[in-house]
Amino acid sequence: MIPVIHGRTFVTTVLLAVALSSCKSAAPPAPPVPPAPPPSGASVKVIFEDDFSSYNAQWRQIRGHWAVEKGNMMQLRDDAREANALTYVDNVTISDAEIRTLVTTGAALPQYTTNTPEDVDLARTKRFISGAGLIFRFQDDRNYYMFRLAGEEGAVFGKMKDGQWEDLENPRAADFAGGRLREGTQYELRVRVQGNRVQAWVNDRAVVNRVDTDFATGKIGLVAFRAQAAFAAIRVVEVN
């Protein structure tokens, strides 16, 4: 079933050239309790949304080659050596919020003509490490939280603090998809931050439930890690 955001179905129109796989194995996290729906008749305050039907000048880029094409925000650079390619919304700062996006990463492993250690390592990176997802409570490119797909076998939630990356949770694909993540397949990623608690979902499956106190507020954005990616929509609503 294709996920729906804000009453409209977004279908990624391209298949991208990268396949992902797993981070280090970790025990499954305690599943978060799904948020209760708002009371009948209650309004939802939308902080920000973009269906990428046209260019929005609020987006700022940090590394990568980002462009709006055919209803997608695309990270087009395919370089296994490049770390986090970031784009964020300049004039939106969140504290407690829920963020949703639809993301597709690549459909094929790179083809190398040599069997050098460097090429073997690049192919492994493409398959087992690279991916794409959300950044939130973003301070600058050295301080933020991230939740993203991370290879065929899982996802990762962590933080960049003072330029140093720390994994906080590594949910495995077997826990939320019944097997490895499929190349060229669209997934809905959802993050809910409320106070010091961070919860995250892949499609409808809860995969992260964590308390962390480093960043209380910040901006929201998108990330591609050593991968091409297509994001079909993003929506941010206030959480009370």
Foldseek 3Di string as FASTA:
>chain_A
DADDDPNDGFDDDDAFAFFFAADDDDDFDDFDDDDDDDPPPDDWAWQDKDQLPDDDPQKDWDDFDWDRDPRWTKRRDQFLVDFKTWIFGNPGKDFWKKKKWKKAFHAHFDDDPDDDPVVVVSSNQRAYAWWKDKWFLDDDPQWTWTWTAGHFWWIFTWIRHNNDTDTDDTFTCCQAPVGTHHHRDMWMKMWGHDAQWIWIDIHPGTGDTDGDHDGRMHTMIMITTSTMMIIRMMIMTGDD
